C-alpha atoms as a PDB file:
ATOM      1  CA  MET A   1      -1.500 -27.415  19.370  1.00  0.00           C
ATOM      2  CA  THR A   2      -2.106 -23.969  20.839  1.00  0.00           C
ATOM      3  CA  ARG A   3       0.786 -21.565  20.306  1.00  0.00           C
ATOM      4  CA  ARG A   4       1.162 -18.750  22.836  1.00  0.00           C
ATOM      5  CA  ALA A   5       2.529 -15.300  22.000  1.00  0.00           C
ATOM      6  CA  VAL A   6       3.260 -12.481  24.436  1.00  0.00           C
ATOM      7  CA  VAL A   7       3.428  -9.005  22.882  1.00  0.00           C
ATOM      8  CA  ILE A   8       5.157  -6.205  24.828  1.00  0.00           C
ATOM      9  CA  GLY A   9       4.038  -2.695  23.890  1.00  0.00           C
ATOM     10  CA  ALA A  10       0.789  -4.079  22.510  1.00  0.00           C
ATOM     11  CA  THR A  11      -1.167  -0.820  22.451  1.00  0.00           C
ATOM     12  CA  GLY A  12       1.492   1.096  20.519  1.00  0.00           C
ATOM     13  CA  GLN A  13       1.340   1.737  16.807  1.00  0.00           C
ATOM     14  CA  ILE A  14       2.924  -1.525  15.603  1.00  0.00           C
ATOM     15  CA  GLY A  15       1.719  -3.557  18.558  1.00  0.00           C
ATOM     16  CA  ARG A  16      -1.955  -3.065  17.756  1.00  0.00           C
ATOM     17  CA  ALA A  17      -1.496  -4.434  14.243  1.00  0.00           C
ATOM     18  CA  ALA A  18       0.819  -7.264  15.328  1.00  0.00           C
ATOM     19  CA  VAL A  19      -1.504  -8.532  18.051  1.00  0.00           C
ATOM     20  CA  GLY A  20      -4.350  -8.673  15.548  1.00  0.00           C
ATOM     21  CA  ALA A  21      -2.231 -10.452  12.935  1.00  0.00           C
ATOM     22  CA  LEU A  22      -1.052 -13.104  15.399  1.00  0.00           C
ATOM     23  CA  ALA A  23      -4.512 -13.689  16.875  1.00  0.00           C
ATOM     24  CA  ARG A  24      -6.096 -14.096  13.456  1.00  0.00           C
ATOM     25  CA  ASP A  25      -3.364 -16.614  12.621  1.00  0.00           C
ATOM     26  CA  GLY A  26      -4.451 -18.820  15.517  1.00  0.00           C
ATOM     27  CA  TRP A  27      -2.021 -17.703  18.218  1.00  0.00           C
ATOM     28  CA  GLU A  28      -3.162 -17.398  21.823  1.00  0.00           C
ATOM     29  CA  VAL A  29      -2.043 -13.809  22.424  1.00  0.00           C
ATOM     30  CA  THR A  30      -1.367 -11.956  25.664  1.00  0.00           C
ATOM     31  CA  ALA A  31      -1.196  -8.227  24.931  1.00  0.00           C
ATOM     32  CA  VAL A  32       1.045  -6.472  27.449  1.00  0.00           C
ATOM     33  CA  SER A  33       1.009  -2.706  27.974  1.00  0.00           C
ATOM     34  CA  ARG A  34       1.421  -0.212  30.794  1.00  0.00           C
ATOM     35  CA  GLY A  35      -2.301   0.522  30.817  1.00  0.00           C
ATOM     36  CA  GLY A  36      -3.456  -3.019  30.163  1.00  0.00           C
ATOM     37  CA  GLY A  37      -5.834  -1.791  27.472  1.00  0.00           C
ATOM     38  CA  ARG A  38      -7.071  -3.414  24.296  1.00  0.00           C
ATOM     39  CA  ASP A  39      -7.719  -2.319  20.732  1.00  0.00           C
ATOM     40  CA  GLU A  40     -11.259  -2.540  19.428  1.00  0.00           C
ATOM     41  CA  SER A  41     -10.046  -4.398  16.328  1.00  0.00           C
ATOM     42  CA  TRP A  42      -8.584  -7.335  18.275  1.00  0.00           C
ATOM     43  CA  PRO A  43     -10.443 -10.657  18.380  1.00  0.00           C
ATOM     44  CA  GLU A  44     -12.214 -11.301  21.687  1.00  0.00           C
ATOM     45  CA  GLN A  45      -9.855 -14.126  22.654  1.00  0.00           C
ATOM     46  CA  VAL A  46      -6.881 -11.754  23.013  1.00  0.00           C
ATOM     47  CA  ARG A  47      -5.908 -11.510  26.677  1.00  0.00           C
ATOM     48  CA  THR A  48      -4.516  -8.318  28.170  1.00  0.00           C
ATOM     49  CA  ALA A  49      -1.994  -7.755  30.940  1.00  0.00           C
ATOM     50  CA  ARG A  50      -0.682  -4.642  32.649  1.00  0.00           C
ATOM     51  CA  ALA A  51       3.100  -4.350  32.991  1.00  0.00           C
ATOM     52  CA  ASP A  52       5.712  -1.624  32.727  1.00  0.00           C
ATOM     53  CA  ARG A  53       8.510  -2.519  30.301  1.00  0.00           C
ATOM     54  CA  ALA A  54      11.097  -1.579  32.924  1.00  0.00           C
ATOM     55  CA  ASP A  55       9.610  -3.815  35.652  1.00  0.00           C
ATOM     56  CA  ASP A  56      11.391  -7.160  35.434  1.00  0.00           C
ATOM     57  CA  SER A  57       9.034  -8.978  37.782  1.00  0.00           C
ATOM     58  CA  ALA A  58       5.889  -7.668  36.099  1.00  0.00           C
ATOM     59  CA  LEU A  59       7.212  -8.672  32.692  1.00  0.00           C
ATOM     60  CA  ALA A  60       8.154 -12.122  33.948  1.00  0.00           C
ATOM     61  CA  ALA A  61       4.664 -12.497  35.406  1.00  0.00           C
ATOM     62  CA  ALA A  62       3.126 -11.625  32.030  1.00  0.00           C
ATOM     63  CA  VAL A  63       5.223 -14.338  30.371  1.00  0.00           C
ATOM     64  CA  GLY A  64       4.084 -16.731  33.090  1.00  0.00           C
ATOM     65  CA  ASP A  65       4.930 -20.383  32.591  1.00  0.00           C
ATOM     66  CA  GLY A  66       6.185 -19.661  29.086  1.00  0.00           C
ATOM     67  CA  CYS A  67       5.363 -18.856  25.495  1.00  0.00           C
ATOM     68  CA  GLU A  68       6.436 -19.943  22.050  1.00  0.00           C
ATOM     69  CA  VAL A  69       7.266 -16.365  21.012  1.00  0.00           C
ATOM     70  CA  LEU A  70       7.892 -13.101  22.849  1.00  0.00           C
ATOM     71  CA  VAL A  71       7.333 -10.050  20.634  1.00  0.00           C
ATOM     72  CA  ASP A  72       8.875  -6.788  21.837  1.00  0.00           C
ATOM     73  CA  MET A  73       7.877  -3.485  20.260  1.00  0.00           C
ATOM     74  CA  VAL A  74       9.713  -1.214  22.691  1.00  0.00           C
ATOM     75  CA  ALA A  75      13.060  -2.856  23.480  1.00  0.00           C
ATOM     76  CA  TYR A  76      15.790  -0.239  23.550  1.00  0.00           C
ATOM     77  CA  GLY A  77      19.408  -0.851  24.488  1.00  0.00           C
ATOM     78  CA  PRO A  78      21.507  -3.682  25.968  1.00  0.00           C
ATOM     79  CA  ALA A  79      19.626  -3.668  29.280  1.00  0.00           C
ATOM     80  CA  HIS A  80      16.383  -4.614  27.563  1.00  0.00           C
ATOM     81  CA  ALA A  81      18.227  -7.276  25.593  1.00  0.00           C
ATOM     82  CA  GLY A  82      19.494  -8.744  28.850  1.00  0.00           C
ATOM     83  CA  GLN A  83      15.979  -8.682  30.254  1.00  0.00           C
ATOM     84  CA  LEU A  84      14.693 -10.690  27.296  1.00  0.00           C
ATOM     85  CA  VAL A  85      17.557 -13.200  27.433  1.00  0.00           C
ATOM     86  CA  SER A  86      16.894 -13.733  31.148  1.00  0.00           C
ATOM     87  CA  LEU A  87      13.519 -15.184  30.153  1.00  0.00           C
ATOM     88  CA  ALA A  88      15.044 -17.598  27.616  1.00  0.00           C
ATOM     89  CA  ASP A  89      14.256 -20.673  29.698  1.00  0.00           C
ATOM     90  CA  ARG A  90      10.545 -19.889  29.294  1.00  0.00           C
ATOM     91  CA  VAL A  91      10.528 -18.437  25.769  1.00  0.00           C
ATOM     92  CA  GLY A  92      10.936 -20.335  22.512  1.00  0.00           C
ATOM     93  CA  SER A  93      12.011 -17.351  20.400  1.00  0.00           C
ATOM     94  CA  ALA A  94      11.673 -13.584  20.151  1.00  0.00           C
ATOM     95  CA  VAL A  95      10.756 -10.996  17.540  1.00  0.00           C
ATOM     96  CA  VAL A  96      12.060  -7.508  18.311  1.00  0.00           C
ATOM     97  CA  ILE A  97      11.541  -4.205  16.524  1.00  0.00           C
ATOM     98  CA  SER A  98      14.746  -2.387  15.601  1.00  0.00           C
ATOM     99  CA  SER A  99      15.427   0.408  13.118  1.00  0.00           C
ATOM    100  CA  VAL A 100      17.206   1.151   9.852  1.00  0.00           C
ATOM    101  CA  SER A 101      18.955   3.901  11.814  1.00  0.00           C
ATOM    102  CA  VAL A 102      21.515   1.281  12.933  1.00  0.00           C
ATOM    103  CA  TYR A 103      23.099   1.375   9.465  1.00  0.00           C
ATOM    104  CA  GLU A 104      26.155   3.425   8.540  1.00  0.00           C
ATOM    105  CA  ASP A 105      27.742   3.867   5.141  1.00  0.00           C
ATOM    106  CA  ASP A 106      31.170   2.660   4.078  1.00  0.00           C
ATOM    107  CA  LYS A 107      32.708   5.952   5.229  1.00  0.00           C
ATOM    108  CA  GLY A 108      31.295   5.589   8.743  1.00  0.00           C
ATOM    109  CA  ARG A 109      28.536   8.155   8.246  1.00  0.00           C
ATOM    110  CA  SER A 110      25.171   7.445   9.855  1.00  0.00           C
ATOM    111  CA  PHE A 111      21.914   9.211  10.675  1.00  0.00           C
ATOM    112  CA  ASP A 112      23.679  10.466  13.793  1.00  0.00           C
ATOM    113  CA  THR A 113      26.276  12.356  11.710  1.00  0.00           C
ATOM    114  CA  GLN A 114      23.869  14.115   9.331  1.00  0.00           C
ATOM    115  CA  GLY A 115      24.232  17.435  11.137  1.00  0.00           C
ATOM    116  CA  GLU A 116      27.974  17.030  11.675  1.00  0.00           C
ATOM    117  CA  PRO A 117      30.918  17.790   9.357  1.00  0.00           C
ATOM    118  CA  GLU A 118      30.949  14.145   8.257  1.00  0.00           C
ATOM    119  CA  GLY A 119      27.570  14.675   6.621  1.00  0.00           C
ATOM    120  CA  PHE A 120      24.657  12.471   5.671  1.00  0.00           C
ATOM    121  CA  PRO A 121      25.263   8.773   4.935  1.00  0.00           C
ATOM    122  CA  GLU A 122      25.155   7.529   1.353  1.00  0.00           C
ATOM    123  CA  PHE A 123      23.814   3.997   1.201  1.00  0.00           C
ATOM    124  CA  PRO A 124      23.515   1.853  -1.906  1.00  0.00           C
ATOM    125  CA  VAL A 125      20.023   2.087  -3.367  1.00  0.00           C
ATOM    126  CA  ARG A 126      18.078  -0.913  -2.033  1.00  0.00           C
ATOM    127  CA  ALA A 127      20.617  -1.492   0.729  1.00  0.00           C
ATOM    128  CA  THR A 128      20.624  -5.010   2.156  1.00  0.00           C
ATOM    129  CA  GLU A 129      21.183  -6.288   5.679  1.00  0.00           C
ATOM    130  CA  ASP A 130      24.867  -6.756   4.783  1.00  0.00           C
ATOM    131  CA  GLN A 131      25.312  -2.991   5.077  1.00  0.00           C
ATOM    132  CA  ARG A 132      27.570  -2.264   8.047  1.00  0.00           C
ATOM    133  CA  THR A 133      26.077  -0.954  11.292  1.00  0.00           C
ATOM    134  CA  ILE A 134      27.191   1.638  13.792  1.00  0.00           C
ATOM    135  CA  ALA A 135      29.084   0.839  16.963  1.00  0.00           C
ATOM    136  CA  PRO A 136      26.841   0.221  19.991  1.00  0.00           C
ATOM    137  CA  GLY A 137      26.793   2.769  22.793  1.00  0.00           C
ATOM    138  CA  GLU A 138      24.640   5.012  24.948  1.00  0.00           C
ATOM    139  CA  ALA A 139      25.000   8.210  22.918  1.00  0.00           C
ATOM    140  CA  SER A 140      21.835   8.046  20.825  1.00  0.00           C
ATOM    141  CA  TYR A 141      18.734   6.139  19.818  1.00  0.00           C
ATOM    142  CA  SER A 142      20.679   4.543  16.964  1.00  0.00           C
ATOM    143  CA  THR A 143      23.670   3.421  19.025  1.00  0.00           C
ATOM    144  CA  ARG A 144      21.393   1.964  21.693  1.00  0.00           C
ATOM    145  CA  LYS A 145      19.410   0.065  19.077  1.00  0.00           C
ATOM    146  CA  ALA A 146      22.740  -1.249  17.775  1.00  0.00           C
ATOM    147  CA  GLY A 147      23.583  -2.363  21.308  1.00  0.00           C
ATOM    148  CA  LEU A 148      20.232  -4.114  21.590  1.00  0.00           C
ATOM    149  CA  GLU A 149      20.869  -5.945  18.326  1.00  0.00           C
ATOM    150  CA  GLY A 150      24.377  -7.002  19.248  1.00  0.00           C
ATOM    151  CA  GLU A 151      23.372  -8.504  22.577  1.00  0.00           C
ATOM    152  CA  LEU A 152      20.414 -10.405  21.141  1.00  0.00           C
ATOM    153  CA  LEU A 153      22.273 -11.779  18.144  1.00  0.00           C
ATOM    154  CA  ALA A 154      25.112 -12.904  20.421  1.00  0.00           C
ATOM    155  CA  ALA A 155      22.597 -14.803  22.547  1.00  0.00           C
ATOM    156  CA  GLY A 156      20.998 -16.506  19.539  1.00  0.00           C
ATOM    157  CA  ASP A 157      21.815 -19.986  20.825  1.00  0.00           C
ATOM    158  CA  ARG A 158      19.776 -19.305  23.977  1.00  0.00           C
ATOM    159  CA  LEU A 159      17.041 -17.095  22.518  1.00  0.00           C
ATOM    160  CA  PRO A 160      16.678 -17.107  18.724  1.00  0.00           C
ATOM    161  CA  THR A 161      15.636 -13.573  17.838  1.00  0.00           C
ATOM    162  CA  THR A 162      14.424 -11.967  14.637  1.00  0.00           C
ATOM    163  CA  LEU A 163      15.250  -8.248  14.596  1.00  0.00           C
ATOM    164  CA  LEU A 164      13.049  -6.181  12.272  1.00  0.00           C
ATOM    165  CA  ARG A 165      14.754  -2.989  11.103  1.00  0.00           C
ATOM    166  CA  ALA A 166      11.831  -0.709  10.410  1.00  0.00           C
ATOM    167  CA  GLY A 167      11.936   2.313   8.126  1.00  0.00           C
ATOM    168  CA  ALA A 168       9.717   5.416   8.360  1.00  0.00           C
ATOM    169  CA  ILE A 169       6.741   3.797  10.088  1.00  0.00           C
ATOM    170  CA  HIS A 170       3.296   4.975   9.014  1.00  0.00           C
ATOM    171  CA  GLY A 171      -0.266   4.174   9.964  1.00  0.00           C
ATOM    172  CA  PRO A 172      -2.766   5.139  12.691  1.00  0.00           C
ATOM    173  CA  HIS A 173      -1.772   5.590  16.350  1.00  0.00           C
ATOM    174  CA  CYS A 174       1.653   7.066  15.547  1.00  0.00           C
ATOM    175  CA  GLN A 175       2.960   9.633  18.040  1.00  0.00           C
ATOM    176  CA  THR A 176       5.203  11.230  15.396  1.00  0.00           C
ATOM    177  CA  PRO A 177       3.338  10.909  12.072  1.00  0.00           C
ATOM    178  CA  ARG A 178       5.386  12.427   9.262  1.00  0.00           C
ATOM    179  CA  GLU A 179       2.133  12.894   7.313  1.00  0.00           C
ATOM    180  CA  LEU A 180       1.157  15.599   9.815  1.00  0.00           C
ATOM    181  CA  TYR A 181       3.473  17.961   7.916  1.00  0.00           C
ATOM    182  CA  PHE A 182       1.157  17.998   4.891  1.00  0.00           C
ATOM    183  CA  VAL A 183      -2.168  17.171   6.560  1.00  0.00           C
ATOM    184  CA  LYS A 184      -2.071  20.228   8.818  1.00  0.00           C
ATOM    185  CA  ARG A 185      -1.012  22.512   5.971  1.00  0.00           C
ATOM    186  CA  ASN A 186      -4.009  21.354   3.969  1.00  0.00           C
ATOM    187  CA  LEU A 187      -6.338  21.824   6.930  1.00  0.00           C
ATOM    188  CA  ASP A 188      -4.915  25.334   7.377  1.00  0.00           C
ATOM    189  CA  GLY A 189      -5.562  26.160   3.729  1.00  0.00           C
ATOM    190  CA  ARG A 190      -1.921  26.647   2.777  1.00  0.00           C
ATOM    191  CA  PRO A 191      -1.827  26.868  -1.060  1.00  0.00           C
ATOM    192  CA  ARG A 192       1.913  26.212  -1.416  1.00  0.00           C
ATOM    193  CA  ARG A 193       4.551  24.104   0.283  1.00  0.00           C
ATOM    194  CA  LEU A 194       8.314  24.204  -0.024  1.00  0.00           C
ATOM    195  CA  LEU A 195      10.152  20.985  -0.872  1.00  0.00           C
ATOM    196  CA  PRO A 196      13.969  20.907  -0.665  1.00  0.00           C
ATOM    197  CA  TYR A 197      16.204  18.714  -2.826  1.00  0.00           C
ATOM    198  CA  GLY A 198      13.832  19.256  -5.726  1.00  0.00           C
ATOM    199  CA  GLY A 199      11.123  17.216  -3.996  1.00  0.00           C
ATOM    200  CA  MET A 200      13.103  14.041  -4.762  1.00  0.00           C
ATOM    201  CA  SER A 201      13.909  12.969  -1.173  1.00  0.00           C
ATOM    202  CA  ARG A 202      13.142   9.312  -0.527  1.00  0.00           C
ATOM    203  CA  PHE A 203      13.104   7.917   3.021  1.00  0.00           C
ATOM    204  CA  HIS A 204      11.731   4.390   2.826  1.00  0.00           C
ATOM    205  CA  PRO A 205       8.334   4.058   4.555  1.00  0.00           C
ATOM    206  CA  ALA A 206       7.117   1.012   6.469  1.00  0.00           C
ATOM    207  CA  ASN A 207       3.408   0.401   6.927  1.00  0.00           C
ATOM    208  CA  VAL A 208       2.390  -1.040  10.299  1.00  0.00           C
ATOM    209  CA  HIS A 209       0.454  -3.837   8.583  1.00  0.00           C
ATOM    210  CA  ASN A 210       3.528  -4.922   6.612  1.00  0.00           C
ATOM    211  CA  ILE A 211       5.588  -4.953   9.804  1.00  0.00           C
ATOM    212  CA  ALA A 212       2.836  -6.952  11.531  1.00  0.00           C
ATOM    213  CA  GLU A 213       2.975  -9.492   8.703  1.00  0.00           C
ATOM    214  CA  LEU A 214       6.729  -9.835   9.213  1.00  0.00           C
ATOM    215  CA  VAL A 215       6.111 -10.372  12.937  1.00  0.00           C
ATOM    216  CA  ARG A 216       3.560 -13.080  12.161  1.00  0.00           C
ATOM    217  CA  LEU A 217       5.883 -14.918   9.787  1.00  0.00           C
ATOM    218  CA  ALA A 218       8.942 -14.629  12.037  1.00  0.00           C
ATOM    219  CA  ALA A 219       6.940 -15.946  14.999  1.00  0.00           C
ATOM    220  CA  ALA A 220       6.157 -19.085  13.032  1.00  0.00           C
ATOM    221  CA  LYS A 221       9.725 -19.520  11.770  1.00  0.00           C
ATOM    222  CA  PRO A 222      12.199 -18.784  14.601  1.00  0.00           C
ATOM    223  CA  GLY A 223      15.775 -17.832  13.858  1.00  0.00           C
ATOM    224  CA  SER A 224      18.620 -15.535  14.822  1.00  0.00           C
ATOM    225  CA  ARG A 225      18.746 -12.775  12.179  1.00  0.00           C
ATOM    226  CA  ALA A 226      18.213  -9.106  11.318  1.00  0.00           C
ATOM    227  CA  LEU A 227      15.822  -8.231   8.506  1.00  0.00           C
ATOM    228  CA  ASN A 228      14.782  -4.994   6.854  1.00  0.00           C
ATOM    229  CA  ALA A 229      11.142  -4.043   7.388  1.00  0.00           C
ATOM    230  CA  VAL A 230       9.979  -1.557   4.751  1.00  0.00           C
ATOM    231  CA  ASP A 231       7.263  -1.191   2.101  1.00  0.00           C
ATOM    232  CA  PRO A 232       7.580  -2.396  -1.503  1.00  0.00           C
ATOM    233  CA  ASP A 233       7.643   1.204  -2.757  1.00  0.00           C
ATOM    234  CA  ALA A 234       9.645   4.227  -1.623  1.00  0.00           C
ATOM    235  CA  PRO A 235       7.850   7.304  -2.975  1.00  0.00           C
ATOM    236  CA  THR A 236       9.513  10.707  -3.161  1.00  0.00           C
ATOM    237  CA  VAL A 237       8.400  13.408  -0.761  1.00  0.00           C
ATOM    238  CA  ALA A 238       6.681  15.155  -3.685  1.00  0.00           C
ATOM    239  CA  GLU A 239       4.731  11.965  -4.411  1.00  0.00           C
ATOM    240  CA  ILE A 240       3.786  11.624  -0.741  1.00  0.00           C
ATOM    241  CA  ALA A 241       2.534  15.216  -0.660  1.00  0.00           C
ATOM    242  CA  ALA A 242       0.474  14.649  -3.805  1.00  0.00           C
ATOM    243  CA  ALA A 243      -1.004  11.437  -2.384  1.00  0.00           C
ATOM    244  CA  ILE A 244      -2.081  13.241   0.799  1.00  0.00           C
ATOM    245  CA  ASP A 245      -3.626  16.024  -1.307  1.00  0.00           C
ATOM    246  CA  SER A 246      -5.587  13.391  -3.222  1.00  0.00           C
ATOM    247  CA  VAL A 247      -6.911  11.775  -0.038  1.00  0.00           C
ATOM    248  CA  MET A 248      -7.965  15.161   1.348  1.00  0.00           C
ATOM    249  CA  GLY A 249      -9.422  16.389  -1.953  1.00  0.00           C
ATOM    250  CA  VAL A 250      -7.301  19.524  -2.218  1.00  0.00           C
ATOM    251  CA  GLU A 251      -4.998  21.047  -4.812  1.00  0.00           C
ATOM    252  CA  THR A 252      -1.755  22.696  -3.788  1.00  0.00           C
ATOM    253  CA  GLU A 253       1.438  23.852  -5.418  1.00  0.00           C
ATOM    254  CA  SER A 254       4.860  22.461  -4.580  1.00  0.00           C
ATOM    255  CA  VAL A 255       7.642  25.036  -4.714  1.00  0.00           C
ATOM    256  CA  LEU A 256      10.821  23.064  -5.337  1.00  0.00           C
ATOM    257  CA  ILE A 257      14.131  24.123  -3.832  1.00  0.00           C
ATOM    258  CA  ASP A 258      17.410  22.962  -5.343  1.00  0.00           C
ATOM    259  CA  GLY A 259      19.427  21.869  -2.348  1.00  0.00           C
ATOM    260  CA  PRO A 260      18.781  21.760   1.394  1.00  0.00           C
ATOM    261  CA  PRO A 261      16.061  23.593   3.335  1.00  0.00           C
ATOM    262  CA  PRO A 262      16.786  27.340   3.598  1.00  0.00           C
ATOM    263  CA  SER A 263      16.398  27.155   7.387  1.00  0.00           C
ATOM    264  CA  PRO A 264      15.320  24.627  10.040  1.00  0.00           C
ATOM    265  CA  THR A 265      11.730  25.927   9.946  1.00  0.00           C
ATOM    266  CA  VAL A 266      11.400  26.479   6.192  1.00  0.00           C
ATOM    267  CA  GLY A 267      10.861  23.444   3.976  1.00  0.00           C
ATOM    268  CA  ASP A 268      12.486  20.889   6.270  1.00  0.00           C
ATOM    269  CA  THR A 269       9.964  18.048   5.976  1.00  0.00           C
ATOM    270  CA  PRO A 270      10.292  14.853   8.049  1.00  0.00           C
ATOM    271  CA  TRP A 271      11.295  13.049   4.840  1.00  0.00           C
ATOM    272  CA  SER A 272      13.891  15.595   3.659  1.00  0.00           C
ATOM    273  CA  VAL A 273      17.143  13.779   2.962  1.00  0.00           C
ATOM    274  CA  PRO A 274      19.823  14.755   0.398  1.00  0.00           C
ATOM    275  CA  VAL A 275      20.256  11.221  -0.991  1.00  0.00           C
ATOM    276  CA  PRO A 276      17.896   8.227  -1.269  1.00  0.00           C
ATOM    277  CA  VAL A 277      17.424   6.088   1.840  1.00  0.00           C
ATOM    278  CA  VAL A 278      15.951   2.922   0.333  1.00  0.00           C
ATOM    279  CA  PHE A 279      16.268  -0.684   1.494  1.00  0.00           C
ATOM    280  CA  ASP A 280      15.943  -4.183   0.053  1.00  0.00           C
ATOM    281  CA  MET A 281      13.418  -6.793   1.206  1.00  0.00           C
ATOM    282  CA  SER A 282      14.825  -9.864  -0.550  1.00  0.00           C
ATOM    283  CA  ALA A 283      16.088 -11.466   2.670  1.00  0.00           C
ATOM    284  CA  ALA A 284      12.651 -11.434   4.303  1.00  0.00           C
ATOM    285  CA  GLU A 285      11.109 -12.824   1.140  1.00  0.00           C
ATOM    286  CA  ARG A 286      13.723 -15.584   1.008  1.00  0.00           C
ATOM    287  CA  GLU A 287      13.871 -16.512   4.704  1.00  0.00           C
ATOM    288  CA  LEU A 288      10.251 -16.015   5.757  1.00  0.00           C
ATOM    289  CA  GLY A 289       8.313 -16.290   2.518  1.00  0.00           C
ATOM    290  CA  TYR A 290       7.244 -12.683   3.092  1.00  0.00           C
ATOM    291  CA  ARG A 291       4.822 -10.973   0.748  1.00  0.00           C
ATOM    292  CA  PRO A 292       3.614  -7.467   1.602  1.00  0.00           C
ATOM    293  CA  VAL A 293      -0.013  -7.069   2.632  1.00  0.00           C
ATOM    294  CA  VAL A 294       0.107  -3.367   1.697  1.00  0.00           C
ATOM    295  CA  ALA A 295       1.563  -2.995  -1.796  1.00  0.00           C
ATOM    296  CA  ARG A 296       1.775   0.794  -2.056  1.00  0.00           C
ATOM    297  CA  TYR A 297       2.315   3.601   0.428  1.00  0.00           C
ATOM    298  CA  ALA A 298      -0.889   5.280  -0.753  1.00  0.00           C
ATOM    299  CA  ASP A 299      -3.073   2.189  -0.268  1.00  0.00           C
ATOM    300  CA  ARG A 300      -3.634   2.688   3.480  1.00  0.00           C
ATOM    301  CA  LEU A 301      -3.052   6.434   3.510  1.00  0.00           C
ATOM    302  CA  PRO A 302      -6.752   7.359   4.008  1.00  0.00           C
ATOM    303  CA  GLU A 303      -6.833   5.730   7.451  1.00  0.00           C
ATOM    304  CA  THR A 304      -3.631   7.523   8.464  1.00  0.00           C
ATOM    305  CA  VAL A 305      -4.935  10.913   7.336  1.00  0.00           C
ATOM    306  CA  ALA A 306      -8.289  10.336   9.064  1.00  0.00           C
ATOM    307  CA  TRP A 307      -6.506   9.407  12.296  1.00  0.00           C
ATOM    308  CA  ILE A 308      -4.394  12.574  12.224  1.00  0.00           C
ATOM    309  CA  GLU A 309      -7.442  14.737  11.514  1.00  0.00           C
ATOM    310  CA  ARG A 310      -9.266  13.256  14.507  1.00  0.00           C
ATOM    311  CA  GLN A 311      -6.295  13.830  16.773  1.00  0.00           C
ATOM    312  CA  LEU A 312      -5.998  17.459  15.666  1.00  0.00           C
ATOM    313  CA  ALA A 313      -9.698  18.276  16.077  1.00  0.00           C
ATOM    314  CA  GLY A 314     -10.021  21.200  18.491  1.00  0.00           C
ATOM    315  CA  LYS A 315      -6.387  21.002  19.620  1.00  0.00           C
ATOM    316  CA  ASP A 316      -3.148  22.834  19.040  1.00  0.00           C
ATOM    317  CA  TRP A 317      -0.895  20.445  17.086  1.00  0.00           C
ATOM    318  CA  ARG A 318       1.723  20.574  19.843  1.00  0.00           C
ATOM    319  CA  GLU A 319      -0.893  19.381  22.326  1.00  0.00           C
ATOM    320  CA  ALA A 320      -2.088  16.623  19.992  1.00  0.00           C
ATOM    321  CA  TYR A 321       1.446  15.547  19.082  1.00  0.00           C
ATOM    322  CA  PRO A 322       3.904  16.679  21.781  1.00  0.00           C
ATOM    323  CA  LYS A 323       6.512  14.096  20.790  1.00  0.00           C
ATOM    324  CA  MET A 324       6.367  15.376  17.207  1.00  0.00           C
ATOM    325  CA  PHE A 325       7.223  18.857  18.421  1.00  0.00           C
ATOM    326  CA  GLN A 326      10.056  17.535  20.601  1.00  0.00           C
ATOM    327  CA  THR A 327      11.482  15.527  17.682  1.00  0.00           C
ATOM    328  CA  TYR A 328      11.158  17.979  14.794  1.00  0.00           C
ATOM    329  CA  GLY A 329      10.653  21.405  16.354  1.00  0.00           C
ATOM    330  CA  ASP A 330       8.348  23.986  14.761  1.00  0.00           C
ATOM    331  CA  LEU A 331       7.096  22.421  11.539  1.00  0.00           C
ATOM    332  CA  PHE A 332       4.552  25.164  10.900  1.00  0.00           C
ATOM    333  CA  ASP A 333       6.415  28.471  10.952  1.00  0.00           C
ATOM    334  CA  TYR A 334       4.156  30.012   8.359  1.00  0.00           C
ATOM    335  CA  ALA A 335       5.551  33.533   8.811  1.00  0.00           C
ATOM    336  CA  ALA A 336       9.050  32.331   7.918  1.00  0.00           C
ATOM    337  CA  GLU A 337       7.698  30.325   4.985  1.00  0.00           C
ATOM    338  CA  ASP A 338       5.765  33.298   3.598  1.00  0.00           C
ATOM    339  CA  ALA A 339       8.783  35.562   3.952  1.00  0.00           C
ATOM    340  CA  TYR A 340      10.880  33.087   1.990  1.00  0.00           C
ATOM    341  CA  LEU A 341       8.220  32.686  -0.687  1.00  0.00           C
ATOM    342  CA  ASP A 342       7.941  36.469  -0.953  1.00  0.00           C
ATOM    343  CA  SER A 343      11.693  36.661  -1.463  1.00  0.00           C
ATOM    344  CA  LEU A 344      11.426  34.178  -4.321  1.00  0.00           C
ATOM    345  CA  GLY A 345       8.745  36.329  -5.908  1.00  0.00           C
ATOM    346  CA  ALA A 346      10.897  39.429  -5.599  1.00  0.00           C
END
C-alpha cells in the first residue's frame, strides 16, 4: 500500500534530508515550500507544492484528500499547532521539529535566562526527556516552542504527534552554521583563536541526516511523544575547531581562556557554554528502534565546510549569512581579538 507523506518546509536544512529519507523508504512524498522548489538529491517521484506556512487554505490544499503523515519543519507556537490539529481528520499522524531549548533546569533556569541574574541552566549530563520544560508563552523562541509542544501533546488523541527536540543542528543549507566561526577564520588566515571555558564547552550537535532518520522512523511508528534529536557524540568546542582545521588542511593555535569570553566580540563562539549541554537518546532507541546514520560529528563535516565555503565565495559574510549576523552579532572583530591577544603577551 502506498503511504503518503506531506513535508512542510521541505527546502530548508532538515527538510531536504527528511524528504529524501522518506522517499527512499517508499513513501509518496509531497514537498511543500514557499518557492515550490526541489533539491537535486531527491528521487524523481517526489512531488512539489508551493504554499506559505501561514496560509491555512494553501496548506490544506497541499494536504489534499489526506496523508498518513504530516511532517512540519517550521511549526512555531500554539497557532501553528492549532493549524495542524485542524487537519487531523485528513492526517494520520504528525512529526514536528522542536528544540532542546524548551528544557529548563531544576532551579527554573533555561537558555532564556543565560544573560540574566539567574544564570545559565545546569542540566544533568545526558539529560533525558523527563527533564522539566519552560512555561509556554510568547516571549521567546523557546517559550513559543514550548507552547507548540503543549498544544500538540494535548491533542494526541486526535493527531498523534512525535516532537523531535533538536540540538545544535549542523549540515549543508543552514542559515546560521556555527561552523562558520572557524571556517571563516581559517579562510582569513587567522593563526590563533580564543576559546573560553578552557575550550571544554559542549553544546550537543544534531546532524540533519540523523534528524531525518528520526523523522523516517517516527513516520512509520505514530505516537504522541517528545524525543531528543542529537548525535551520538558531543565534542568539545576545541575538538570541533580541530576537526574543522583537519578538513581544511590548516594548523592553528587555540588560546584557552579560563572562564567566560572577555567581551561579546572576543572568543564568544556559537558553542560557548559554561557547563555541558548534552542529551540522552535512549528513548528514541527504545521507542523507534533508532540507530544513528552519522556516528560522529566529524563524519559529515567535509560537506558542511564545503557548503559554507561556497556560500562565502566573493561575498561579505554578513551578506552570505544575514541571519547569522542577526543572531550572534559580530563574530569576526579581529581588531578586538588582536588587542586582547596582545594584552596576554604583555
